[in-house]
């Protein structure tokens, strides 16, 4: 499978047989370039403009936005309820964590997670091979919270998201503190290709570069 970072919390996940998933698409006020994307599935973790612009994705894409389990075009999807803040949603509401099983690889997208996961949420999420975690703080967990969540989930690979870049139009923290705390690094690529039996060969923390 391929994982391509489209900026912010938006990724394009593509299976070996061409099924495409877009996570948390954003509108044109966010700063990243909005381009129409063909995909079979689009997920939105919550209804904020920088995560729910489904018009970015082709009209026939199936929209996933709720907790529970489903299977679309052979992609197993698990939605787990969480919150956009650390006071059970009182400030910013709910957030749905999505896990996608693609080509035998479990990819977990945390959306705008605003708190450290509970033990029950970790159990509900289950096995994770690739964790897509917000690290920018302000509206989500910061890099310290991201490190804590990473330890709880124990993925094989972690990819940071939702942090300040030159393109982003609002202020959150950058990615460097998270990379410093985890020994992670930029790899100079916007997209990586993963094979189930080769995941162990990858660095534990990989930062993709928006292009």
N, C-alpha and C. Protein backbone atom coordinates (compact mmCIF):
# COMPACT_ATOMS: atom_id res chain seq x y z
N UNK A 1 0.83 -1.19 0.00
CA UNK A 1 0.00 0.00 0.00
C UNK A 1 0.87 1.25 0.00
N UNK A 2 0.25 2.38 -0.43
CA UNK A 2 0.96 3.65 -0.46
C UNK A 2 0.29 4.63 0.49
N UNK A 3 1.10 5.45 1.14
CA UNK A 3 0.62 6.52 2.01
C UNK A 3 1.20 7.83 1.52
N UNK A 4 0.33 8.77 1.13
CA UNK A 4 0.77 10.07 0.63
C UNK A 4 0.18 11.16 1.50
N UNK A 5 1.03 12.05 2.00
CA UNK A 5 0.56 13.15 2.84
C UNK A 5 0.19 14.34 1.96
N UNK A 6 -1.08 14.76 2.06
CA UNK A 6 -1.57 15.88 1.27
C UNK A 6 -1.60 17.17 2.09
N UNK A 7 -0.99 17.15 3.27
CA UNK A 7 -0.96 18.31 4.14
C UNK A 7 -1.98 18.22 5.25
N UNK A 8 -1.65 18.83 6.39
CA UNK A 8 -2.52 18.89 7.56
C UNK A 8 -2.82 17.47 8.06
N UNK A 9 -4.09 17.07 8.12
CA UNK A 9 -4.43 15.71 8.55
C UNK A 9 -4.95 14.87 7.38
N UNK A 10 -4.67 15.33 6.17
CA UNK A 10 -5.19 14.69 4.97
C UNK A 10 -4.14 13.77 4.33
N UNK A 11 -4.51 12.51 4.19
CA UNK A 11 -3.65 11.52 3.55
C UNK A 11 -4.43 10.81 2.45
N UNK A 12 -3.71 10.35 1.46
CA UNK A 12 -4.25 9.46 0.44
C UNK A 12 -3.63 8.09 0.66
N UNK A 13 -4.49 7.13 1.01
CA UNK A 13 -4.06 5.74 1.23
C UNK A 13 -4.52 4.92 0.03
N UNK A 14 -3.60 4.22 -0.61
CA UNK A 14 -3.93 3.47 -1.82
C UNK A 14 -3.52 2.02 -1.67
N UNK A 15 -4.48 1.12 -1.85
CA UNK A 15 -4.19 -0.31 -1.74
C UNK A 15 -3.50 -0.81 -3.00
N UNK A 16 -2.95 -2.00 -2.92
CA UNK A 16 -2.26 -2.58 -4.07
C UNK A 16 -3.17 -2.77 -5.27
N UNK A 17 -4.47 -2.98 -5.01
CA UNK A 17 -5.41 -3.14 -6.14
C UNK A 17 -6.13 -1.85 -6.50
N UNK A 18 -5.63 -0.72 -5.99
CA UNK A 18 -6.10 0.58 -6.46
C UNK A 18 -7.25 1.22 -5.70
N UNK A 19 -7.69 0.64 -4.59
CA UNK A 19 -8.73 1.26 -3.79
C UNK A 19 -8.10 2.41 -3.00
N UNK A 20 -8.72 3.60 -3.08
CA UNK A 20 -8.13 4.81 -2.49
C UNK A 20 -9.00 5.36 -1.36
N UNK A 21 -8.33 5.75 -0.29
CA UNK A 21 -8.99 6.35 0.87
C UNK A 21 -8.37 7.73 1.10
N UNK A 22 -9.23 8.75 1.25
CA UNK A 22 -8.76 10.09 1.62
C UNK A 22 -9.25 10.39 3.03
N UNK A 23 -8.33 10.83 3.90
CA UNK A 23 -8.69 11.16 5.27
C UNK A 23 -8.75 12.67 5.47
N UNK A 24 -9.74 13.13 6.19
CA UNK A 24 -9.87 14.51 6.66
C UNK A 24 -9.48 15.57 5.62
N UNK A 25 -10.20 15.66 4.51
CA UNK A 25 -9.90 16.69 3.50
C UNK A 25 -10.23 18.09 4.01
N UNK A 26 -9.48 19.09 3.56
CA UNK A 26 -9.60 20.47 4.04
C UNK A 26 -10.08 21.40 2.93
N UNK A 27 -10.60 22.58 3.33
CA UNK A 27 -11.01 23.55 2.33
C UNK A 27 -9.86 24.52 2.02
N UNK A 28 -10.13 25.49 1.14
CA UNK A 28 -9.03 26.32 0.64
C UNK A 28 -8.60 27.43 1.59
N UNK A 29 -9.21 27.52 2.77
CA UNK A 29 -8.75 28.51 3.75
C UNK A 29 -7.60 27.99 4.60
N UNK A 30 -7.32 26.70 4.52
CA UNK A 30 -6.30 26.09 5.38
C UNK A 30 -4.89 26.45 4.93
N UNK A 31 -4.72 26.68 3.63
CA UNK A 31 -3.42 27.09 3.11
C UNK A 31 -2.81 26.11 2.12
N UNK A 32 -3.11 24.84 2.30
CA UNK A 32 -2.62 23.84 1.35
C UNK A 32 -3.48 23.90 0.08
N UNK A 33 -2.90 23.50 -1.01
CA UNK A 33 -3.61 23.54 -2.29
C UNK A 33 -4.71 22.49 -2.32
N UNK A 34 -5.91 22.92 -2.65
CA UNK A 34 -7.05 22.01 -2.75
C UNK A 34 -7.19 21.56 -4.20
N UNK A 35 -7.01 20.28 -4.43
CA UNK A 35 -7.18 19.70 -5.76
C UNK A 35 -8.15 18.54 -5.69
N UNK A 36 -8.98 18.41 -6.68
CA UNK A 36 -9.96 17.32 -6.72
C UNK A 36 -9.23 15.97 -6.78
N UNK A 37 -9.64 15.05 -5.92
CA UNK A 37 -8.98 13.75 -5.83
C UNK A 37 -10.00 12.66 -6.12
N UNK A 38 -9.64 11.73 -6.96
CA UNK A 38 -10.47 10.55 -7.18
C UNK A 38 -10.19 9.53 -6.07
N UNK A 39 -11.24 9.06 -5.43
CA UNK A 39 -11.09 8.06 -4.37
C UNK A 39 -12.40 7.30 -4.21
N UNK A 40 -12.30 6.14 -3.62
CA UNK A 40 -13.48 5.31 -3.37
C UNK A 40 -14.08 5.57 -1.99
N UNK A 41 -13.23 6.04 -1.06
CA UNK A 41 -13.65 6.24 0.33
C UNK A 41 -13.08 7.56 0.82
N UNK A 42 -13.89 8.31 1.60
CA UNK A 42 -13.39 9.50 2.28
C UNK A 42 -13.85 9.43 3.73
N UNK A 43 -12.93 9.70 4.65
CA UNK A 43 -13.26 9.69 6.07
C UNK A 43 -13.10 11.10 6.64
N UNK A 44 -14.00 11.46 7.56
CA UNK A 44 -13.89 12.74 8.27
C UNK A 44 -14.01 12.47 9.76
N UNK A 45 -13.03 12.92 10.51
CA UNK A 45 -13.00 12.65 11.94
C UNK A 45 -13.98 13.52 12.72
N UNK A 46 -14.30 14.71 12.17
CA UNK A 46 -15.25 15.62 12.81
C UNK A 46 -15.60 16.72 11.81
N UNK A 47 -16.59 17.53 12.16
CA UNK A 47 -17.11 18.50 11.21
C UNK A 47 -16.51 19.90 11.38
N UNK A 48 -15.21 20.01 11.23
CA UNK A 48 -14.56 21.31 11.17
C UNK A 48 -13.99 21.49 9.76
N UNK A 49 -13.94 22.74 9.31
CA UNK A 49 -13.63 23.04 7.91
C UNK A 49 -12.28 22.51 7.43
N UNK A 50 -11.36 22.32 8.37
CA UNK A 50 -10.04 21.83 7.97
C UNK A 50 -9.95 20.30 7.99
N UNK A 51 -11.12 19.64 8.15
CA UNK A 51 -11.14 18.18 8.20
C UNK A 51 -12.33 17.56 7.47
N UNK A 52 -13.26 18.36 6.98
CA UNK A 52 -14.51 17.77 6.46
C UNK A 52 -14.92 18.24 5.07
N UNK A 53 -13.96 18.75 4.30
CA UNK A 53 -14.31 19.27 2.97
C UNK A 53 -14.38 18.13 1.96
N UNK A 54 -15.49 17.39 2.01
CA UNK A 54 -15.62 16.20 1.17
C UNK A 54 -15.73 16.56 -0.31
N UNK A 55 -15.99 17.84 -0.63
CA UNK A 55 -16.03 18.25 -2.03
C UNK A 55 -14.66 18.14 -2.69
N UNK A 56 -13.61 18.00 -1.89
CA UNK A 56 -12.28 17.76 -2.45
C UNK A 56 -12.22 16.41 -3.17
N UNK A 57 -13.09 15.49 -2.77
CA UNK A 57 -13.03 14.10 -3.22
C UNK A 57 -14.14 13.83 -4.23
N UNK A 58 -13.91 12.90 -5.13
CA UNK A 58 -14.88 12.57 -6.17
C UNK A 58 -16.25 12.25 -5.57
N UNK A 59 -17.28 12.61 -6.31
CA UNK A 59 -18.65 12.56 -5.79
C UNK A 59 -19.12 11.15 -5.43
N UNK A 60 -18.55 10.13 -6.08
CA UNK A 60 -19.02 8.77 -5.82
C UNK A 60 -18.30 8.11 -4.65
N UNK A 61 -17.42 8.84 -3.97
CA UNK A 61 -16.70 8.26 -2.83
C UNK A 61 -17.68 8.03 -1.67
N UNK A 62 -17.52 6.91 -1.01
CA UNK A 62 -18.35 6.59 0.15
C UNK A 62 -17.79 7.32 1.37
N UNK A 63 -18.66 8.03 2.08
CA UNK A 63 -18.26 8.89 3.19
C UNK A 63 -18.41 8.13 4.51
N UNK A 64 -17.31 8.05 5.26
CA UNK A 64 -17.30 7.39 6.56
C UNK A 64 -17.03 8.45 7.62
N UNK A 65 -17.92 8.55 8.62
CA UNK A 65 -17.75 9.58 9.64
C UNK A 65 -18.22 9.16 11.03
N UNK A 66 -18.55 7.89 11.20
CA UNK A 66 -19.11 7.44 12.48
C UNK A 66 -18.31 6.29 13.06
N UNK A 67 -18.48 6.09 14.37
CA UNK A 67 -17.85 4.96 15.03
C UNK A 67 -18.50 3.66 14.59
N UNK A 68 -17.83 2.54 14.86
CA UNK A 68 -18.32 1.23 14.49
C UNK A 68 -17.46 0.59 13.42
N UNK A 69 -17.88 -0.58 12.97
CA UNK A 69 -17.10 -1.34 12.00
C UNK A 69 -17.84 -1.45 10.68
N UNK A 70 -17.11 -1.36 9.59
CA UNK A 70 -17.69 -1.54 8.27
C UNK A 70 -16.61 -2.04 7.32
N UNK A 71 -17.04 -2.52 6.17
CA UNK A 71 -16.10 -2.98 5.14
C UNK A 71 -16.56 -2.38 3.81
N UNK A 72 -15.69 -1.61 3.19
CA UNK A 72 -16.01 -0.97 1.91
C UNK A 72 -14.94 -1.34 0.91
N UNK A 73 -15.36 -1.99 -0.16
CA UNK A 73 -14.44 -2.38 -1.24
C UNK A 73 -13.24 -3.17 -0.72
N UNK A 74 -13.49 -4.01 0.29
CA UNK A 74 -12.42 -4.85 0.84
C UNK A 74 -11.56 -4.17 1.88
N UNK A 75 -11.83 -2.89 2.18
CA UNK A 75 -11.09 -2.18 3.22
C UNK A 75 -11.88 -2.27 4.53
N UNK A 76 -11.30 -2.92 5.53
CA UNK A 76 -11.94 -3.00 6.84
C UNK A 76 -11.70 -1.69 7.58
N UNK A 77 -12.80 -1.09 8.09
CA UNK A 77 -12.72 0.21 8.75
C UNK A 77 -13.32 0.11 10.14
N UNK A 78 -12.58 0.61 11.12
CA UNK A 78 -13.05 0.66 12.50
C UNK A 78 -13.04 2.10 12.97
N UNK A 79 -14.19 2.59 13.45
CA UNK A 79 -14.29 3.94 13.99
C UNK A 79 -14.43 3.90 15.50
N UNK A 80 -13.60 4.66 16.19
CA UNK A 80 -13.59 4.68 17.66
C UNK A 80 -13.85 6.10 18.14
N UNK A 81 -14.81 6.27 19.05
CA UNK A 81 -15.14 7.59 19.57
C UNK A 81 -14.05 8.12 20.49
N UNK A 82 -13.72 9.40 20.29
CA UNK A 82 -12.79 10.10 21.17
C UNK A 82 -13.24 11.55 21.22
N UNK A 83 -12.36 12.44 21.72
CA UNK A 83 -12.76 13.84 21.87
C UNK A 83 -11.70 14.77 21.31
N UNK A 84 -12.17 15.96 20.91
CA UNK A 84 -11.34 16.99 20.30
C UNK A 84 -10.62 17.84 21.36
N UNK A 85 -10.85 17.54 22.62
CA UNK A 85 -10.24 18.28 23.71
C UNK A 85 -10.02 17.33 24.89
N UNK A 86 -9.51 17.87 25.98
CA UNK A 86 -9.23 17.04 27.15
C UNK A 86 -10.30 17.16 28.23
N UNK A 87 -11.49 17.63 27.83
CA UNK A 87 -12.61 17.71 28.79
C UNK A 87 -13.86 17.08 28.19
N UNK A 88 -13.67 15.91 27.62
CA UNK A 88 -14.76 15.08 27.08
C UNK A 88 -15.64 15.81 26.06
N UNK A 89 -15.03 16.64 25.25
CA UNK A 89 -15.74 17.29 24.17
C UNK A 89 -16.43 18.58 24.52
N UNK A 90 -16.29 19.05 25.75
CA UNK A 90 -17.00 20.26 26.17
C UNK A 90 -16.56 21.50 25.38
N UNK A 91 -15.31 21.53 24.94
CA UNK A 91 -14.80 22.68 24.21
C UNK A 91 -14.99 22.54 22.70
N UNK A 92 -14.64 21.38 22.15
CA UNK A 92 -14.61 21.26 20.69
C UNK A 92 -15.38 20.05 20.14
N UNK A 93 -16.02 19.29 21.00
CA UNK A 93 -16.85 18.20 20.52
C UNK A 93 -16.12 16.87 20.38
N UNK A 94 -16.78 15.97 19.67
CA UNK A 94 -16.25 14.62 19.49
C UNK A 94 -15.28 14.54 18.31
N UNK A 95 -14.52 13.48 18.31
CA UNK A 95 -13.56 13.17 17.25
C UNK A 95 -13.59 11.67 17.05
N UNK A 96 -13.66 11.23 15.80
CA UNK A 96 -13.67 9.79 15.52
C UNK A 96 -12.29 9.35 15.00
N UNK A 97 -11.72 8.40 15.69
CA UNK A 97 -10.47 7.77 15.25
C UNK A 97 -10.83 6.68 14.25
N UNK A 98 -10.12 6.61 13.14
CA UNK A 98 -10.38 5.57 12.16
C UNK A 98 -9.16 4.68 11.96
N UNK A 99 -9.43 3.38 11.95
CA UNK A 99 -8.39 2.42 11.59
C UNK A 99 -8.79 1.71 10.31
N UNK A 100 -7.88 1.68 9.35
CA UNK A 100 -8.11 1.04 8.06
C UNK A 100 -7.17 -0.15 7.91
N UNK A 101 -7.72 -1.30 7.57
CA UNK A 101 -6.88 -2.45 7.25
C UNK A 101 -6.76 -2.54 5.73
N UNK A 102 -5.56 -2.26 5.24
CA UNK A 102 -5.31 -2.20 3.80
C UNK A 102 -4.13 -3.10 3.48
N UNK A 103 -4.35 -4.10 2.63
CA UNK A 103 -3.28 -5.05 2.27
C UNK A 103 -2.65 -5.68 3.51
N UNK A 104 -3.48 -5.95 4.52
CA UNK A 104 -3.00 -6.58 5.74
C UNK A 104 -2.31 -5.64 6.71
N UNK A 105 -2.26 -4.34 6.38
CA UNK A 105 -1.58 -3.35 7.21
C UNK A 105 -2.64 -2.49 7.91
N UNK A 106 -2.54 -2.38 9.24
CA UNK A 106 -3.47 -1.58 10.03
C UNK A 106 -2.96 -0.15 10.15
N UNK A 107 -3.69 0.79 9.54
CA UNK A 107 -3.32 2.21 9.57
C UNK A 107 -4.34 2.94 10.43
N UNK A 108 -3.87 3.62 11.47
CA UNK A 108 -4.76 4.33 12.40
C UNK A 108 -4.58 5.83 12.26
N UNK A 109 -5.66 6.53 11.93
CA UNK A 109 -5.68 7.99 11.78
C UNK A 109 -6.40 8.58 12.97
N UNK A 110 -5.70 9.37 13.78
CA UNK A 110 -6.26 9.85 15.04
C UNK A 110 -7.10 11.11 14.90
N UNK A 111 -7.17 11.70 13.71
CA UNK A 111 -7.96 12.91 13.54
C UNK A 111 -7.43 14.02 14.43
N UNK A 112 -8.35 14.82 14.99
CA UNK A 112 -7.97 15.91 15.89
C UNK A 112 -8.07 15.45 17.34
N UNK A 113 -7.38 14.41 17.67
CA UNK A 113 -7.40 13.89 19.03
C UNK A 113 -6.89 14.95 20.00
N UNK A 114 -7.66 15.20 21.06
CA UNK A 114 -7.30 16.25 22.00
C UNK A 114 -6.91 15.75 23.38
N UNK A 115 -6.72 14.45 23.54
CA UNK A 115 -6.41 13.89 24.85
C UNK A 115 -5.62 12.60 24.68
N UNK A 116 -4.99 12.17 25.75
CA UNK A 116 -4.32 10.87 25.74
C UNK A 116 -5.38 9.78 25.78
N UNK A 117 -5.17 8.73 25.01
CA UNK A 117 -6.15 7.65 24.90
C UNK A 117 -6.31 6.90 26.22
N UNK A 118 -7.53 6.46 26.48
CA UNK A 118 -7.80 5.60 27.63
C UNK A 118 -7.42 4.16 27.29
N UNK A 119 -7.32 3.34 28.30
CA UNK A 119 -7.00 1.93 28.08
C UNK A 119 -8.08 1.26 27.22
N UNK A 120 -9.34 1.63 27.45
CA UNK A 120 -10.43 1.01 26.69
C UNK A 120 -10.38 1.43 25.22
N UNK A 121 -10.00 2.67 24.96
CA UNK A 121 -9.86 3.12 23.57
C UNK A 121 -8.71 2.41 22.88
N UNK A 122 -7.61 2.23 23.59
CA UNK A 122 -6.47 1.50 23.02
C UNK A 122 -6.89 0.08 22.66
N UNK A 123 -7.65 -0.56 23.54
CA UNK A 123 -8.12 -1.92 23.26
C UNK A 123 -9.07 -1.94 22.07
N UNK A 124 -9.95 -0.96 21.99
CA UNK A 124 -10.92 -0.89 20.89
C UNK A 124 -10.22 -0.68 19.54
N UNK A 125 -9.17 0.13 19.54
CA UNK A 125 -8.40 0.35 18.32
C UNK A 125 -7.68 -0.93 17.91
N UNK A 126 -7.09 -1.62 18.87
CA UNK A 126 -6.41 -2.88 18.58
C UNK A 126 -5.05 -2.70 17.94
N UNK A 127 -4.65 -3.67 17.16
CA UNK A 127 -3.32 -3.64 16.54
C UNK A 127 -3.19 -2.45 15.58
N UNK A 128 -2.04 -1.80 15.64
CA UNK A 128 -1.74 -0.70 14.72
C UNK A 128 -0.33 -0.88 14.16
N UNK A 129 -0.24 -0.91 12.85
CA UNK A 129 1.07 -0.95 12.19
C UNK A 129 1.59 0.45 11.91
N UNK A 130 0.70 1.33 11.44
CA UNK A 130 1.07 2.71 11.11
C UNK A 130 0.14 3.67 11.84
N UNK A 131 0.72 4.58 12.62
CA UNK A 131 -0.06 5.55 13.38
C UNK A 131 0.13 6.94 12.77
N UNK A 132 -0.97 7.60 12.43
CA UNK A 132 -0.97 8.96 11.93
C UNK A 132 -1.44 9.85 13.07
N UNK A 133 -0.52 10.62 13.66
CA UNK A 133 -0.79 11.29 14.93
C UNK A 133 -0.59 12.80 14.84
N UNK A 134 -1.56 13.60 15.36
CA UNK A 134 -1.36 15.05 15.41
C UNK A 134 -0.32 15.40 16.47
N UNK A 135 0.50 16.41 16.18
CA UNK A 135 1.58 16.76 17.11
C UNK A 135 1.66 18.26 17.37
N UNK A 136 0.82 19.07 16.72
CA UNK A 136 0.99 20.51 16.74
C UNK A 136 0.42 21.24 17.94
N UNK A 137 -0.36 20.55 18.79
CA UNK A 137 -0.93 21.22 19.94
C UNK A 137 -1.98 22.25 19.56
N UNK A 138 -2.34 23.12 20.50
CA UNK A 138 -3.34 24.17 20.38
C UNK A 138 -4.75 23.58 20.22
N UNK A 139 -5.00 22.90 19.10
CA UNK A 139 -6.30 22.29 18.84
C UNK A 139 -6.29 20.77 19.05
N UNK A 140 -5.12 20.21 19.22
CA UNK A 140 -4.96 18.76 19.39
C UNK A 140 -3.95 18.51 20.50
N UNK A 141 -3.64 17.25 20.75
CA UNK A 141 -2.52 16.93 21.63
C UNK A 141 -1.25 17.57 21.07
N UNK A 142 -0.34 17.92 21.98
CA UNK A 142 0.95 18.46 21.54
C UNK A 142 1.95 17.31 21.39
N UNK A 143 3.21 17.65 21.18
CA UNK A 143 4.18 16.59 20.91
C UNK A 143 4.35 15.65 22.10
N UNK A 144 4.23 16.19 23.32
CA UNK A 144 4.36 15.33 24.51
C UNK A 144 3.20 14.34 24.58
N UNK A 145 1.98 14.83 24.32
CA UNK A 145 0.82 13.94 24.28
C UNK A 145 0.94 12.92 23.17
N UNK A 146 1.48 13.33 22.02
CA UNK A 146 1.66 12.42 20.89
C UNK A 146 2.64 11.31 21.24
N UNK A 147 3.71 11.65 21.96
CA UNK A 147 4.68 10.63 22.38
C UNK A 147 4.00 9.63 23.32
N UNK A 148 3.17 10.14 24.23
CA UNK A 148 2.47 9.27 25.18
C UNK A 148 1.51 8.34 24.45
N UNK A 149 0.75 8.89 23.51
CA UNK A 149 -0.18 8.06 22.74
C UNK A 149 0.57 7.03 21.91
N UNK A 150 1.67 7.41 21.32
CA UNK A 150 2.48 6.48 20.54
C UNK A 150 2.92 5.29 21.39
N UNK A 151 3.33 5.57 22.62
CA UNK A 151 3.75 4.49 23.52
C UNK A 151 2.59 3.57 23.87
N UNK A 152 1.40 4.12 24.04
CA UNK A 152 0.24 3.31 24.37
C UNK A 152 -0.18 2.42 23.21
N UNK A 153 -0.19 2.99 22.01
CA UNK A 153 -0.66 2.26 20.83
C UNK A 153 0.40 1.28 20.32
N UNK A 154 1.66 1.66 20.47
CA UNK A 154 2.80 0.82 20.09
C UNK A 154 2.78 0.41 18.61
N UNK A 155 2.73 1.39 17.71
CA UNK A 155 2.76 1.06 16.27
C UNK A 155 4.17 0.71 15.82
N UNK A 156 4.27 0.13 14.65
CA UNK A 156 5.58 -0.13 14.08
C UNK A 156 6.17 1.12 13.44
N UNK A 157 5.30 1.95 12.85
CA UNK A 157 5.72 3.21 12.22
C UNK A 157 4.76 4.31 12.68
N UNK A 158 5.30 5.47 13.00
CA UNK A 158 4.47 6.63 13.32
C UNK A 158 4.78 7.76 12.34
N UNK A 159 3.72 8.37 11.81
CA UNK A 159 3.85 9.51 10.90
C UNK A 159 3.14 10.70 11.53
N UNK A 160 3.86 11.79 11.85
CA UNK A 160 3.21 12.97 12.44
C UNK A 160 2.39 13.74 11.41
N UNK A 161 1.39 14.46 11.91
CA UNK A 161 0.53 15.28 11.06
C UNK A 161 0.03 16.47 11.88
N UNK A 162 -0.73 17.36 11.23
CA UNK A 162 -1.40 18.46 11.91
C UNK A 162 -0.39 19.32 12.68
N UNK A 163 0.61 19.81 11.95
CA UNK A 163 1.61 20.70 12.55
C UNK A 163 1.91 21.84 11.59
N UNK A 164 2.61 22.86 12.09
CA UNK A 164 2.87 24.06 11.31
C UNK A 164 3.86 23.79 10.18
N UNK A 165 3.50 24.24 8.99
CA UNK A 165 4.39 24.24 7.83
C UNK A 165 4.26 25.62 7.17
N UNK A 166 5.14 25.97 6.24
CA UNK A 166 5.00 27.26 5.55
C UNK A 166 3.66 27.44 4.86
N UNK A 167 3.01 26.34 4.47
CA UNK A 167 1.73 26.45 3.76
C UNK A 167 0.55 26.69 4.68
N UNK A 168 0.64 26.23 5.92
CA UNK A 168 -0.52 26.26 6.82
C UNK A 168 -0.86 27.69 7.24
N UNK A 169 -2.14 28.03 7.21
CA UNK A 169 -2.57 29.41 7.42
C UNK A 169 -2.80 29.78 8.88
N UNK A 170 -2.79 28.81 9.81
CA UNK A 170 -2.97 29.16 11.22
C UNK A 170 -1.84 28.57 12.06
N UNK A 171 -1.75 29.08 13.28
CA UNK A 171 -0.58 28.77 14.11
C UNK A 171 -0.80 27.56 15.02
N UNK A 172 0.00 26.56 14.80
CA UNK A 172 0.19 25.45 15.74
C UNK A 172 1.70 25.23 15.81
N UNK A 173 2.13 24.33 16.66
CA UNK A 173 3.56 24.07 16.75
C UNK A 173 4.05 23.28 15.55
N UNK A 174 5.34 23.36 15.29
CA UNK A 174 5.95 22.58 14.22
C UNK A 174 6.19 21.15 14.63
N UNK A 175 6.88 20.40 13.81
CA UNK A 175 7.10 18.97 14.03
C UNK A 175 8.41 18.67 14.73
N UNK A 176 9.31 19.64 14.83
CA UNK A 176 10.68 19.34 15.25
C UNK A 176 10.76 18.81 16.67
N UNK A 177 9.96 19.34 17.59
CA UNK A 177 10.00 18.83 18.97
C UNK A 177 9.62 17.36 19.04
N UNK A 178 8.62 16.99 18.25
CA UNK A 178 8.20 15.58 18.22
C UNK A 178 9.31 14.70 17.65
N UNK A 179 9.92 15.14 16.57
CA UNK A 179 10.99 14.35 15.97
C UNK A 179 12.18 14.24 16.91
N UNK A 180 12.50 15.32 17.61
CA UNK A 180 13.60 15.29 18.56
C UNK A 180 13.32 14.32 19.71
N UNK A 181 12.07 14.31 20.18
CA UNK A 181 11.70 13.46 21.32
C UNK A 181 11.66 11.98 20.95
N UNK A 182 11.46 11.69 19.67
CA UNK A 182 11.27 10.29 19.24
C UNK A 182 12.42 9.75 18.40
N UNK A 183 13.38 10.61 18.06
CA UNK A 183 14.44 10.17 17.16
C UNK A 183 13.98 10.05 15.73
N UNK A 184 12.87 10.68 15.40
CA UNK A 184 12.34 10.61 14.04
C UNK A 184 13.07 11.55 13.10
N UNK A 185 12.76 11.42 11.82
CA UNK A 185 13.44 12.26 10.83
C UNK A 185 12.58 12.47 9.59
N UNK A 186 12.86 13.57 8.90
CA UNK A 186 12.29 13.79 7.57
C UNK A 186 12.99 12.85 6.59
N UNK A 187 12.21 12.32 5.66
CA UNK A 187 12.83 11.44 4.66
C UNK A 187 12.80 12.05 3.27
N UNK A 188 12.32 13.30 3.16
CA UNK A 188 12.35 13.99 1.88
C UNK A 188 11.39 13.46 0.85
N UNK A 189 10.33 12.79 1.30
CA UNK A 189 9.33 12.23 0.39
C UNK A 189 7.94 12.62 0.86
N UNK A 190 7.05 12.77 -0.09
CA UNK A 190 5.64 13.00 0.23
C UNK A 190 4.88 11.68 0.34
N UNK A 191 5.40 10.64 -0.26
CA UNK A 191 4.70 9.35 -0.33
C UNK A 191 5.66 8.21 -0.04
N UNK A 192 5.16 7.21 0.69
CA UNK A 192 5.94 5.99 0.91
C UNK A 192 5.09 4.79 0.51
N UNK A 193 5.76 3.71 0.18
CA UNK A 193 5.09 2.46 -0.15
C UNK A 193 5.51 1.41 0.86
N UNK A 194 4.52 0.75 1.46
CA UNK A 194 4.78 -0.22 2.52
C UNK A 194 4.32 -1.61 2.10
N UNK A 195 5.10 -2.59 2.51
CA UNK A 195 4.73 -3.99 2.38
C UNK A 195 4.65 -4.59 3.78
N UNK A 196 3.68 -5.44 3.99
CA UNK A 196 3.45 -6.01 5.32
C UNK A 196 4.71 -6.65 5.90
N UNK A 197 5.41 -7.38 5.07
CA UNK A 197 6.57 -8.12 5.59
C UNK A 197 7.86 -7.29 5.63
N UNK A 198 7.74 -5.99 5.28
CA UNK A 198 8.93 -5.14 5.30
C UNK A 198 8.81 -3.97 6.28
N UNK A 199 7.69 -3.90 7.00
CA UNK A 199 7.46 -2.77 7.89
C UNK A 199 8.53 -2.66 8.96
N UNK A 200 8.99 -3.80 9.45
CA UNK A 200 10.00 -3.78 10.52
C UNK A 200 11.30 -3.11 10.07
N UNK A 201 11.51 -3.00 8.77
CA UNK A 201 12.75 -2.39 8.26
C UNK A 201 12.71 -0.87 8.25
N UNK A 202 11.54 -0.29 8.48
CA UNK A 202 11.39 1.17 8.43
C UNK A 202 11.78 1.81 9.76
N UNK A 203 12.19 3.09 9.72
CA UNK A 203 12.39 3.82 10.98
C UNK A 203 11.09 3.89 11.77
N UNK A 204 11.20 4.03 13.07
CA UNK A 204 10.02 4.06 13.93
C UNK A 204 9.17 5.31 13.70
N UNK A 205 9.80 6.43 13.41
CA UNK A 205 9.08 7.69 13.18
C UNK A 205 9.57 8.33 11.90
N UNK A 206 8.63 8.59 11.00
CA UNK A 206 8.95 9.12 9.68
C UNK A 206 8.09 10.35 9.41
N UNK A 207 8.72 11.47 9.09
CA UNK A 207 7.97 12.68 8.73
C UNK A 207 7.97 12.81 7.21
N UNK A 208 6.78 12.84 6.64
CA UNK A 208 6.65 13.06 5.20
C UNK A 208 6.69 14.56 4.93
N UNK A 209 7.04 14.94 3.72
CA UNK A 209 7.20 16.34 3.36
C UNK A 209 6.15 16.74 2.33
N UNK A 210 5.36 17.77 2.67
CA UNK A 210 4.36 18.28 1.73
C UNK A 210 5.06 18.95 0.55
N UNK A 211 4.57 18.66 -0.66
CA UNK A 211 5.20 19.23 -1.86
C UNK A 211 4.13 19.90 -2.72
